[in-house]
Amino acid sequence: PQHKCGIQKSCSQNSFAFRITSGAANVVGPSICFNDVILMSSAKNNVGRGLNIALVNGTSGQLLETNTFDMYSG
């Protein structure tokens, strides 16, 4: 069976499913999936070099903000 965000088993009722994947150089970008919704990805054009952060409300699961922090250029 398919589970949220493509993880191997389902989560308990009181928790959220999430999957964070790293990019591969300039070929494949990083992505963040939360509760079966892609929050950040190359297709959404909201990821960048460095740290990619998604701020999510821990109670409701609502996305509050996304941002990238380029650790290479300062």
C-alpha atoms as a PDB file:
ATOM      1  CA  PRO A   1       0.000   0.000   0.000  1.00  0.00           C
ATOM      2  CA  GLN A   2       1.025   3.604  -0.552  1.00  0.00           C
ATOM      3  CA  HIS A   3       1.681   5.652   2.564  1.00  0.00           C
ATOM      4  CA  LYS A   4       1.979   9.409   2.946  1.00  0.00           C
ATOM      5  CA  CYS A   5       5.121  10.950   1.430  1.00  0.00           C
ATOM      6  CA  GLY A   6       6.131   7.538   0.099  1.00  0.00           C
ATOM      7  CA  ILE A   7       7.450   6.267   3.430  1.00  0.00           C
ATOM      8  CA  GLN A   8       7.452   2.516   4.071  1.00  0.00           C
ATOM      9  CA  LYS A   9       4.834   2.333   6.819  1.00  0.00           C
ATOM     10  CA  SER A  10       1.999   4.493   8.028  1.00  0.00           C
ATOM     11  CA  CYS A  11       2.271   6.832  10.987  1.00  0.00           C
ATOM     12  CA  SER A  12       0.087   6.766  14.087  1.00  0.00           C
ATOM     13  CA  GLN A  13      -3.028   8.962  14.166  1.00  0.00           C
ATOM     14  CA  ASN A  14      -1.424  11.615  16.387  1.00  0.00           C
ATOM     15  CA  SER A  15       1.620  12.208  14.187  1.00  0.00           C
ATOM     16  CA  PHE A  16       2.546  13.627  10.787  1.00  0.00           C
ATOM     17  CA  ALA A  17       4.377  11.834   8.001  1.00  0.00           C
ATOM     18  CA  PHE A  18       7.360  13.635   6.502  1.00  0.00           C
ATOM     19  CA  ARG A  19      10.209  12.931   4.110  1.00  0.00           C
ATOM     20  CA  ILE A  20      13.217  15.121   3.438  1.00  0.00           C
ATOM     21  CA  THR A  21      15.479  14.285   0.499  1.00  0.00           C
ATOM     22  CA  SER A  22      18.807  15.868  -0.261  1.00  0.00           C
ATOM     23  CA  GLY A  23      19.721  17.133  -3.693  1.00  0.00           C
ATOM     24  CA  ALA A  24      22.475  15.760  -5.922  1.00  0.00           C
ATOM     25  CA  ALA A  25      24.763  18.553  -7.125  1.00  0.00           C
ATOM     26  CA  ASN A  26      22.934  20.613  -9.765  1.00  0.00           C
ATOM     27  CA  VAL A  27      21.156  17.584 -11.218  1.00  0.00           C
ATOM     28  CA  VAL A  28      18.451  16.766  -8.652  1.00  0.00           C
ATOM     29  CA  GLY A  29      17.142  19.339  -6.223  1.00  0.00           C
ATOM     30  CA  PRO A  30      16.159  18.731  -2.600  1.00  0.00           C
ATOM     31  CA  SER A  31      12.548  18.244  -1.542  1.00  0.00           C
ATOM     32  CA  ILE A  32      10.467  18.320   1.613  1.00  0.00           C
ATOM     33  CA  CYS A  33       7.190  16.384   1.824  1.00  0.00           C
ATOM     34  CA  PHE A  34       4.938  16.827   4.856  1.00  0.00           C
ATOM     35  CA  ASN A  35       1.742  14.834   5.373  1.00  0.00           C
ATOM     36  CA  ASP A  36       1.620  13.934   1.655  1.00  0.00           C
ATOM     37  CA  VAL A  37       2.050  17.543   0.481  1.00  0.00           C
ATOM     38  CA  ILE A  38       5.247  18.654  -1.258  1.00  0.00           C
ATOM     39  CA  LEU A  39       6.289  21.821   0.575  1.00  0.00           C
ATOM     40  CA  MET A  40       9.592  22.482  -1.199  1.00  0.00           C
ATOM     41  CA  SER A  41      10.999  21.138  -4.472  1.00  0.00           C
ATOM     42  CA  SER A  42      12.678  22.142  -7.706  1.00  0.00           C
ATOM     43  CA  ALA A  43       9.308  21.877  -9.460  1.00  0.00           C
ATOM     44  CA  LYS A  44       7.870  24.492  -7.061  1.00  0.00           C
ATOM     45  CA  ASN A  45      11.003  26.616  -7.639  1.00  0.00           C
ATOM     46  CA  ASN A  46      11.390  27.326  -3.913  1.00  0.00           C
ATOM     47  CA  VAL A  47      14.639  25.486  -3.099  1.00  0.00           C
ATOM     48  CA  GLY A  48      18.200  26.687  -3.313  1.00  0.00           C
ATOM     49  CA  ARG A  49      21.811  25.954  -2.508  1.00  0.00           C
ATOM     50  CA  GLY A  50      22.464  25.430   1.204  1.00  0.00           C
ATOM     51  CA  LEU A  51      19.848  24.852   3.889  1.00  0.00           C
ATOM     52  CA  ASN A  52      16.213  24.606   2.827  1.00  0.00           C
ATOM     53  CA  ILE A  53      13.816  25.157   5.717  1.00  0.00           C
ATOM     54  CA  ALA A  54      10.047  24.682   5.992  1.00  0.00           C
ATOM     55  CA  LEU A  55       8.350  26.028   9.124  1.00  0.00           C
ATOM     56  CA  VAL A  56       5.210  24.033   9.960  1.00  0.00           C
ATOM     57  CA  ASN A  57       2.699  24.470  12.782  1.00  0.00           C
ATOM     58  CA  GLY A  58       3.251  21.416  15.001  1.00  0.00           C
ATOM     59  CA  THR A  59      -0.411  21.199  16.016  1.00  0.00           C
ATOM     60  CA  SER A  60      -2.299  21.797  12.782  1.00  0.00           C
ATOM     61  CA  GLY A  61       0.359  20.811  10.244  1.00  0.00           C
ATOM     62  CA  GLN A  62      -0.162  24.088   8.361  1.00  0.00           C
ATOM     63  CA  LEU A  63       2.816  25.433   6.423  1.00  0.00           C
ATOM     64  CA  LEU A  64       3.843  28.801   7.855  1.00  0.00           C
ATOM     65  CA  GLU A  65       6.936  29.725   5.839  1.00  0.00           C
ATOM     66  CA  THR A  66       9.722  28.379   3.626  1.00  0.00           C
ATOM     67  CA  ASN A  67      13.201  29.806   3.138  1.00  0.00           C
ATOM     68  CA  THR A  68      16.690  28.930   1.961  1.00  0.00           C
ATOM     69  CA  PHE A  69      19.994  29.853   3.543  1.00  0.00           C
ATOM     70  CA  ASP A  70      23.047  29.842   1.259  1.00  0.00           C
ATOM     71  CA  MET A  71      25.854  28.598   3.526  1.00  0.00           C
ATOM     72  CA  TYR A  72      28.461  28.792   0.733  1.00  0.00           C
ATOM     73  CA  SER A  73      28.357  32.471  -0.134  1.00  0.00           C
ATOM     74  CA  GLY A  74      27.713  33.631   3.424  1.00  0.00           C
END
